Amino acid sequence: MTWRRAAALTTGVLLLGIALDASSQDPSRDSSGGGAVEGSAPLSKPVNLKVLPKDLSAEQIGRIMKRFETDLGVKCSHCHVEDSVTQKFNYASDENPAKSTARLMITMLADINDKYLPLLGGDRRYAAQVTCGSCHQGQSSPPAFE
């Protein structure tokens, strides 16, 4: 990944985090797996990040994942596998194929926002960044355009 792409992806993720900070509840009560659940120890540093910046904290990742849940109308189990014995999610596992699809879609969004929208110049109609919700509209598969 080039430094420019990494910087653009980091900027996009941080902007998403800022937007989520303004609208989300206390991350220490977040049940999405991004922050500590009330009464439990804080999560350790995220591992196996392949498209999201590696320097994000568990809380930042949790806010981003919460946004994905909202934009796609899904829960953690859509992309992450749950250990049948411990009943906890293995967030680092790549066993669920939906996680690969999610990574591809995150990369696609970064390309749209960082590569293609700037080519449209100063036209303010195209200034808004595209998000998962732009197409998915709260559904796991984007609704058909009619």
N, C-alpha and C. Protein backbone atom coordinates (compact mmCIF):
# COMPACT_ATOMS: atom_id res chain seq x y z
N MET A 1 0.86 -1.17 0.00
CA MET A 1 0.00 0.00 0.00
C MET A 1 0.90 1.23 0.00
N THR A 2 0.60 2.17 -0.85
CA THR A 2 1.40 3.38 -0.92
C THR A 2 1.12 4.26 0.29
N TRP A 3 2.06 5.15 0.58
CA TRP A 3 1.87 6.05 1.73
C TRP A 3 0.66 6.93 1.51
N ARG A 4 0.42 7.33 0.25
CA ARG A 4 -0.70 8.22 -0.04
C ARG A 4 -2.04 7.52 0.22
N ARG A 5 -2.12 6.27 -0.23
CA ARG A 5 -3.35 5.49 -0.02
C ARG A 5 -3.56 5.24 1.48
N ALA A 6 -2.48 4.89 2.19
CA ALA A 6 -2.58 4.66 3.63
C ALA A 6 -3.02 5.92 4.35
N ALA A 7 -2.47 7.06 3.94
CA ALA A 7 -2.85 8.33 4.56
C ALA A 7 -4.31 8.66 4.28
N ALA A 8 -4.75 8.42 3.04
CA ALA A 8 -6.14 8.70 2.68
C ALA A 8 -7.09 7.78 3.44
N LEU A 9 -6.74 6.50 3.55
CA LEU A 9 -7.58 5.55 4.28
C LEU A 9 -7.64 5.93 5.75
N THR A 10 -6.49 6.29 6.32
CA THR A 10 -6.45 6.70 7.72
C THR A 10 -7.32 7.94 7.93
N THR A 11 -7.22 8.91 7.03
CA THR A 11 -8.02 10.12 7.13
C THR A 11 -9.51 9.78 7.07
N GLY A 12 -9.89 8.93 6.12
CA GLY A 12 -11.29 8.53 6.00
C GLY A 12 -11.80 7.84 7.25
N VAL A 13 -10.99 6.93 7.80
CA VAL A 13 -11.38 6.21 9.01
C VAL A 13 -11.48 7.18 10.19
N LEU A 14 -10.53 8.11 10.29
CA LEU A 14 -10.57 9.07 11.39
C LEU A 14 -11.78 9.99 11.27
N LEU A 15 -12.11 10.41 10.05
CA LEU A 15 -13.31 11.23 9.86
C LEU A 15 -14.56 10.44 10.25
N LEU A 16 -14.59 9.17 9.87
CA LEU A 16 -15.71 8.32 10.26
C LEU A 16 -15.77 8.22 11.79
N GLY A 17 -14.61 8.07 12.42
CA GLY A 17 -14.57 8.00 13.88
C GLY A 17 -15.06 9.27 14.53
N ILE A 18 -14.71 10.41 13.97
CA ILE A 18 -15.18 11.69 14.52
C ILE A 18 -16.69 11.79 14.39
N ALA A 19 -17.20 11.40 13.24
CA ALA A 19 -18.65 11.43 13.04
C ALA A 19 -19.35 10.50 14.01
N LEU A 20 -18.75 9.34 14.25
CA LEU A 20 -19.34 8.39 15.18
C LEU A 20 -19.26 8.89 16.62
N ASP A 21 -18.15 9.54 16.96
CA ASP A 21 -18.02 10.10 18.31
C ASP A 21 -19.16 11.05 18.61
N ALA A 22 -19.55 11.82 17.62
CA ALA A 22 -20.61 12.80 17.80
C ALA A 22 -21.97 12.14 17.98
N SER A 23 -22.13 10.93 17.45
CA SER A 23 -23.46 10.32 17.49
C SER A 23 -23.53 9.03 18.29
N SER A 24 -22.38 8.54 18.77
CA SER A 24 -22.42 7.25 19.44
C SER A 24 -22.50 7.42 20.95
N GLN A 25 -22.86 6.29 21.58
CA GLN A 25 -22.91 6.30 23.03
C GLN A 25 -21.53 5.97 23.58
N ASP A 26 -21.38 5.95 24.87
CA ASP A 26 -20.13 5.68 25.55
C ASP A 26 -19.55 4.34 25.06
N PRO A 27 -18.33 4.32 24.51
CA PRO A 27 -17.78 3.08 23.99
C PRO A 27 -17.53 2.02 25.06
N SER A 28 -17.46 2.41 26.33
CA SER A 28 -17.26 1.41 27.37
C SER A 28 -18.51 0.57 27.57
N ARG A 29 -19.63 1.01 26.99
CA ARG A 29 -20.86 0.23 27.07
C ARG A 29 -21.22 -0.40 25.72
N ASP A 30 -20.31 -0.33 24.78
CA ASP A 30 -20.53 -0.82 23.43
C ASP A 30 -20.53 -2.34 23.41
N SER A 31 -21.58 -2.93 22.89
CA SER A 31 -21.66 -4.38 22.84
C SER A 31 -21.21 -4.93 21.50
N SER A 32 -20.69 -4.09 20.62
CA SER A 32 -20.29 -4.54 19.29
C SER A 32 -18.92 -5.21 19.28
N GLY A 33 -18.22 -5.17 20.41
CA GLY A 33 -16.90 -5.77 20.45
C GLY A 33 -15.79 -4.76 20.29
N GLY A 34 -16.10 -3.50 20.13
CA GLY A 34 -15.08 -2.50 19.92
C GLY A 34 -14.55 -1.93 21.21
N GLY A 35 -15.36 -1.85 22.23
CA GLY A 35 -14.93 -1.34 23.51
C GLY A 35 -15.17 -2.40 24.55
N ALA A 36 -14.84 -2.09 25.77
CA ALA A 36 -15.06 -3.06 26.83
C ALA A 36 -16.55 -3.09 27.15
N VAL A 37 -17.07 -4.27 27.35
CA VAL A 37 -18.44 -4.41 27.79
C VAL A 37 -18.44 -4.09 29.27
N GLU A 38 -19.50 -3.47 29.75
CA GLU A 38 -19.56 -3.04 31.14
C GLU A 38 -19.17 -4.19 32.07
N GLY A 39 -18.21 -3.92 32.94
CA GLY A 39 -17.78 -4.90 33.92
C GLY A 39 -16.67 -5.82 33.41
N SER A 40 -16.22 -5.67 32.17
CA SER A 40 -15.16 -6.53 31.66
C SER A 40 -13.88 -5.72 31.43
N ALA A 41 -12.80 -6.43 31.22
CA ALA A 41 -11.51 -5.77 30.97
C ALA A 41 -11.51 -5.15 29.58
N PRO A 42 -10.74 -4.08 29.39
CA PRO A 42 -10.65 -3.48 28.07
C PRO A 42 -10.07 -4.47 27.06
N LEU A 43 -10.45 -4.30 25.81
CA LEU A 43 -9.94 -5.18 24.76
C LEU A 43 -8.49 -4.87 24.47
N SER A 44 -7.78 -5.90 24.01
CA SER A 44 -6.39 -5.71 23.65
C SER A 44 -6.30 -5.06 22.27
N LYS A 45 -5.10 -4.69 21.90
CA LYS A 45 -4.86 -4.04 20.61
C LYS A 45 -5.36 -4.96 19.49
N PRO A 46 -6.09 -4.39 18.52
CA PRO A 46 -6.58 -5.20 17.40
C PRO A 46 -5.43 -5.83 16.61
N VAL A 47 -5.68 -7.04 16.12
CA VAL A 47 -4.69 -7.75 15.30
C VAL A 47 -5.35 -8.15 13.99
N ASN A 48 -4.52 -8.49 13.00
CA ASN A 48 -4.97 -8.95 11.69
C ASN A 48 -5.73 -7.87 10.92
N LEU A 49 -5.34 -6.62 11.12
CA LEU A 49 -5.93 -5.54 10.33
C LEU A 49 -5.22 -5.51 8.98
N LYS A 50 -6.00 -5.65 7.92
CA LYS A 50 -5.40 -5.70 6.58
C LYS A 50 -5.72 -4.48 5.74
N VAL A 51 -6.86 -3.83 5.97
CA VAL A 51 -7.17 -2.62 5.21
C VAL A 51 -7.38 -1.41 6.12
N LEU A 52 -7.76 -1.62 7.34
CA LEU A 52 -7.87 -0.51 8.29
C LEU A 52 -6.48 -0.21 8.84
N PRO A 53 -6.21 1.04 9.19
CA PRO A 53 -4.90 1.40 9.74
C PRO A 53 -4.56 0.58 10.99
N LYS A 54 -3.34 0.11 11.06
CA LYS A 54 -2.92 -0.75 12.16
C LYS A 54 -2.76 -0.02 13.49
N ASP A 55 -2.75 1.31 13.47
CA ASP A 55 -2.54 2.06 14.70
C ASP A 55 -3.85 2.45 15.39
N LEU A 56 -4.98 1.94 14.93
CA LEU A 56 -6.26 2.25 15.57
C LEU A 56 -6.39 1.49 16.88
N SER A 57 -7.02 2.11 17.86
CA SER A 57 -7.26 1.45 19.14
C SER A 57 -8.48 0.54 19.03
N ALA A 58 -8.65 -0.32 20.02
CA ALA A 58 -9.82 -1.20 20.06
C ALA A 58 -11.11 -0.37 20.09
N GLU A 59 -11.09 0.75 20.79
CA GLU A 59 -12.27 1.60 20.87
C GLU A 59 -12.60 2.23 19.52
N GLN A 60 -11.56 2.67 18.80
CA GLN A 60 -11.78 3.24 17.47
C GLN A 60 -12.34 2.18 16.51
N ILE A 61 -11.76 1.00 16.54
CA ILE A 61 -12.26 -0.10 15.70
C ILE A 61 -13.71 -0.40 16.07
N GLY A 62 -14.03 -0.40 17.35
CA GLY A 62 -15.40 -0.67 17.80
C GLY A 62 -16.38 0.34 17.23
N ARG A 63 -16.00 1.61 17.22
CA ARG A 63 -16.89 2.64 16.67
C ARG A 63 -17.08 2.45 15.16
N ILE A 64 -16.00 2.09 14.48
CA ILE A 64 -16.10 1.84 13.04
C ILE A 64 -17.00 0.64 12.78
N MET A 65 -16.82 -0.43 13.54
CA MET A 65 -17.65 -1.62 13.36
C MET A 65 -19.12 -1.32 13.67
N LYS A 66 -19.35 -0.48 14.66
CA LYS A 66 -20.73 -0.09 15.00
C LYS A 66 -21.37 0.63 13.82
N ARG A 67 -20.57 1.47 13.14
CA ARG A 67 -21.08 2.17 11.95
C ARG A 67 -21.40 1.17 10.85
N PHE A 68 -20.51 0.16 10.66
CA PHE A 68 -20.79 -0.87 9.66
C PHE A 68 -22.09 -1.60 9.99
N GLU A 69 -22.30 -1.92 11.28
CA GLU A 69 -23.54 -2.58 11.70
C GLU A 69 -24.76 -1.76 11.27
N THR A 70 -24.70 -0.47 11.52
CA THR A 70 -25.81 0.42 11.19
C THR A 70 -25.99 0.54 9.68
N ASP A 71 -24.91 0.79 8.96
CA ASP A 71 -24.98 0.97 7.52
C ASP A 71 -25.47 -0.29 6.79
N LEU A 72 -25.13 -1.48 7.34
CA LEU A 72 -25.46 -2.73 6.68
C LEU A 72 -26.61 -3.48 7.33
N GLY A 73 -27.06 -3.03 8.50
CA GLY A 73 -28.14 -3.73 9.19
C GLY A 73 -27.75 -5.14 9.62
N VAL A 74 -26.49 -5.32 10.04
CA VAL A 74 -26.00 -6.64 10.43
C VAL A 74 -25.43 -6.59 11.85
N LYS A 75 -25.10 -7.75 12.36
CA LYS A 75 -24.44 -7.87 13.65
C LYS A 75 -23.02 -8.39 13.43
N CYS A 76 -22.24 -8.47 14.49
CA CYS A 76 -20.84 -8.91 14.41
C CYS A 76 -20.71 -10.26 13.70
N SER A 77 -21.66 -11.15 13.93
CA SER A 77 -21.59 -12.50 13.38
C SER A 77 -21.68 -12.52 11.85
N HIS A 78 -22.03 -11.41 11.24
CA HIS A 78 -22.08 -11.36 9.78
C HIS A 78 -20.69 -11.56 9.19
N CYS A 79 -19.66 -11.02 9.83
CA CYS A 79 -18.28 -11.12 9.32
C CYS A 79 -17.35 -11.91 10.24
N HIS A 80 -17.68 -11.97 11.53
CA HIS A 80 -16.78 -12.59 12.50
C HIS A 80 -17.34 -13.92 12.98
N VAL A 81 -16.42 -14.85 13.30
CA VAL A 81 -16.83 -16.16 13.80
C VAL A 81 -16.84 -16.16 15.32
N GLU A 82 -17.79 -16.88 15.86
CA GLU A 82 -17.93 -16.98 17.31
C GLU A 82 -17.43 -18.35 17.76
N ASP A 83 -16.63 -18.37 18.82
CA ASP A 83 -16.14 -19.62 19.39
C ASP A 83 -17.31 -20.32 20.07
N SER A 84 -17.60 -21.54 19.66
CA SER A 84 -18.77 -22.25 20.19
C SER A 84 -18.62 -22.59 21.67
N VAL A 85 -17.40 -22.69 22.16
CA VAL A 85 -17.17 -23.01 23.56
C VAL A 85 -17.27 -21.77 24.44
N THR A 86 -16.53 -20.72 24.08
CA THR A 86 -16.48 -19.52 24.92
C THR A 86 -17.61 -18.53 24.61
N GLN A 87 -18.27 -18.70 23.46
CA GLN A 87 -19.32 -17.78 23.02
C GLN A 87 -18.78 -16.36 22.80
N LYS A 88 -17.48 -16.25 22.52
CA LYS A 88 -16.86 -14.95 22.22
C LYS A 88 -16.42 -14.93 20.77
N PHE A 89 -16.43 -13.74 20.19
CA PHE A 89 -16.02 -13.60 18.81
C PHE A 89 -14.50 -13.65 18.70
N ASN A 90 -14.05 -14.34 17.65
CA ASN A 90 -12.63 -14.35 17.30
C ASN A 90 -12.48 -13.32 16.18
N TYR A 91 -12.23 -12.08 16.56
CA TYR A 91 -12.18 -10.99 15.59
C TYR A 91 -11.01 -11.12 14.62
N ALA A 92 -9.94 -11.79 15.00
CA ALA A 92 -8.77 -11.92 14.13
C ALA A 92 -8.96 -13.00 13.07
N SER A 93 -9.87 -13.91 13.27
CA SER A 93 -10.07 -15.02 12.33
C SER A 93 -10.54 -14.54 10.97
N ASP A 94 -10.01 -15.18 9.92
CA ASP A 94 -10.45 -14.91 8.55
C ASP A 94 -11.34 -16.04 8.03
N GLU A 95 -11.86 -16.86 8.93
CA GLU A 95 -12.64 -18.03 8.55
C GLU A 95 -13.93 -17.68 7.81
N ASN A 96 -14.58 -16.58 8.18
CA ASN A 96 -15.84 -16.20 7.54
C ASN A 96 -15.54 -15.47 6.24
N PRO A 97 -16.03 -15.99 5.09
CA PRO A 97 -15.75 -15.35 3.80
C PRO A 97 -16.32 -13.93 3.69
N ALA A 98 -17.32 -13.61 4.47
CA ALA A 98 -17.89 -12.26 4.42
C ALA A 98 -16.86 -11.21 4.85
N LYS A 99 -15.89 -11.61 5.67
CA LYS A 99 -14.86 -10.68 6.11
C LYS A 99 -13.97 -10.25 4.93
N SER A 100 -13.68 -11.18 4.04
CA SER A 100 -12.91 -10.84 2.83
C SER A 100 -13.69 -9.88 1.95
N THR A 101 -14.98 -10.13 1.83
CA THR A 101 -15.84 -9.24 1.04
C THR A 101 -15.86 -7.85 1.66
N ALA A 102 -15.96 -7.79 2.98
CA ALA A 102 -15.97 -6.49 3.67
C ALA A 102 -14.67 -5.74 3.41
N ARG A 103 -13.55 -6.44 3.46
CA ARG A 103 -12.26 -5.79 3.19
C ARG A 103 -12.22 -5.23 1.77
N LEU A 104 -12.73 -6.00 0.82
CA LEU A 104 -12.77 -5.54 -0.56
C LEU A 104 -13.65 -4.30 -0.70
N MET A 105 -14.79 -4.30 -0.01
CA MET A 105 -15.71 -3.16 -0.09
C MET A 105 -15.10 -1.92 0.58
N ILE A 106 -14.38 -2.09 1.67
CA ILE A 106 -13.71 -0.97 2.33
C ILE A 106 -12.67 -0.36 1.39
N THR A 107 -11.94 -1.22 0.70
CA THR A 107 -10.95 -0.76 -0.27
C THR A 107 -11.62 -0.03 -1.42
N MET A 108 -12.76 -0.55 -1.89
CA MET A 108 -13.51 0.09 -2.97
C MET A 108 -13.98 1.49 -2.55
N LEU A 109 -14.49 1.61 -1.33
CA LEU A 109 -14.92 2.91 -0.83
C LEU A 109 -13.75 3.89 -0.77
N ALA A 110 -12.61 3.41 -0.31
CA ALA A 110 -11.43 4.28 -0.24
C ALA A 110 -11.05 4.77 -1.64
N ASP A 111 -11.13 3.88 -2.62
CA ASP A 111 -10.82 4.27 -3.99
C ASP A 111 -11.82 5.31 -4.50
N ILE A 112 -13.09 5.08 -4.27
CA ILE A 112 -14.11 6.04 -4.72
C ILE A 112 -13.87 7.41 -4.08
N ASN A 113 -13.69 7.42 -2.77
CA ASN A 113 -13.56 8.68 -2.05
C ASN A 113 -12.24 9.40 -2.31
N ASP A 114 -11.15 8.62 -2.43
CA ASP A 114 -9.83 9.23 -2.49
C ASP A 114 -9.28 9.37 -3.91
N LYS A 115 -9.75 8.53 -4.82
CA LYS A 115 -9.22 8.55 -6.17
C LYS A 115 -10.19 9.19 -7.17
N TYR A 116 -11.45 8.80 -7.10
CA TYR A 116 -12.38 9.20 -8.15
C TYR A 116 -13.16 10.48 -7.85
N LEU A 117 -13.64 10.67 -6.62
CA LEU A 117 -14.36 11.90 -6.31
C LEU A 117 -13.50 13.15 -6.53
N PRO A 118 -12.22 13.13 -6.18
CA PRO A 118 -11.40 14.32 -6.45
C PRO A 118 -11.28 14.66 -7.94
N LEU A 119 -11.44 13.66 -8.80
CA LEU A 119 -11.35 13.91 -10.24
C LEU A 119 -12.53 14.74 -10.74
N LEU A 120 -13.58 14.83 -9.94
CA LEU A 120 -14.76 15.60 -10.33
C LEU A 120 -14.56 17.09 -10.07
N GLY A 121 -13.42 17.45 -9.52
CA GLY A 121 -13.09 18.86 -9.32
C GLY A 121 -13.85 19.46 -8.15
N GLY A 122 -14.09 20.75 -8.28
CA GLY A 122 -14.69 21.51 -7.19
C GLY A 122 -16.20 21.45 -7.13
N ASP A 123 -16.83 20.58 -7.89
CA ASP A 123 -18.29 20.48 -7.88
C ASP A 123 -18.76 20.01 -6.50
N ARG A 124 -19.41 20.87 -5.74
CA ARG A 124 -19.83 20.58 -4.36
C ARG A 124 -20.83 19.43 -4.28
N ARG A 125 -21.50 19.11 -5.39
CA ARG A 125 -22.45 17.98 -5.36
C ARG A 125 -21.74 16.67 -5.04
N TYR A 126 -20.44 16.61 -5.32
CA TYR A 126 -19.69 15.38 -5.13
C TYR A 126 -18.71 15.46 -3.96
N ALA A 127 -18.93 16.42 -3.08
CA ALA A 127 -18.02 16.61 -1.95
C ALA A 127 -18.25 15.60 -0.83
N ALA A 128 -19.47 15.09 -0.71
CA ALA A 128 -19.78 14.15 0.38
C ALA A 128 -19.11 12.80 0.13
N GLN A 129 -18.44 12.30 1.15
CA GLN A 129 -17.80 11.00 1.06
C GLN A 129 -18.86 9.90 0.96
N VAL A 130 -18.56 8.88 0.19
CA VAL A 130 -19.43 7.71 0.07
C VAL A 130 -19.17 6.82 1.28
N THR A 131 -20.23 6.25 1.85
CA THR A 131 -20.10 5.32 2.97
C THR A 131 -20.79 4.01 2.59
N CYS A 132 -20.67 3.01 3.42
CA CYS A 132 -21.36 1.74 3.18
C CYS A 132 -22.86 1.98 3.05
N GLY A 133 -23.38 2.89 3.89
CA GLY A 133 -24.81 3.18 3.89
C GLY A 133 -25.29 3.87 2.63
N SER A 134 -24.38 4.47 1.87
CA SER A 134 -24.78 5.13 0.62
C SER A 134 -25.47 4.15 -0.31
N CYS A 135 -24.99 2.94 -0.35
CA CYS A 135 -25.59 1.92 -1.22
C CYS A 135 -26.43 0.92 -0.44
N HIS A 136 -25.93 0.48 0.71
CA HIS A 136 -26.61 -0.59 1.46
C HIS A 136 -27.89 -0.12 2.13
N GLN A 137 -27.95 1.12 2.55
CA GLN A 137 -29.15 1.70 3.15
C GLN A 137 -29.72 0.83 4.27
N GLY A 138 -28.82 0.34 5.14
CA GLY A 138 -29.25 -0.43 6.30
C GLY A 138 -29.56 -1.88 6.00
N GLN A 139 -29.18 -2.38 4.84
CA GLN A 139 -29.46 -3.77 4.46
C GLN A 139 -28.15 -4.49 4.13
N SER A 140 -28.07 -5.77 4.43
CA SER A 140 -26.82 -6.51 4.19
C SER A 140 -26.47 -6.57 2.70
N SER A 141 -27.47 -6.60 1.84
CA SER A 141 -27.24 -6.51 0.39
C SER A 141 -27.92 -5.23 -0.09
N PRO A 142 -27.25 -4.44 -0.91
CA PRO A 142 -27.87 -3.21 -1.37
C PRO A 142 -29.20 -3.50 -2.07
N PRO A 143 -30.22 -2.69 -1.80
CA PRO A 143 -31.51 -2.92 -2.46
C PRO A 143 -31.38 -2.66 -3.96
N ALA A 144 -32.18 -3.37 -4.72
CA ALA A 144 -32.16 -3.20 -6.18
C ALA A 144 -32.68 -1.82 -6.54
N PHE A 145 -32.04 -1.21 -7.52
CA PHE A 145 -32.47 0.08 -8.01
C PHE A 145 -33.60 -0.14 -9.00
N GLU A 146 -34.68 0.57 -8.80
CA GLU A 146 -35.83 0.42 -9.70
C GLU A 146 -36.13 1.72 -10.38
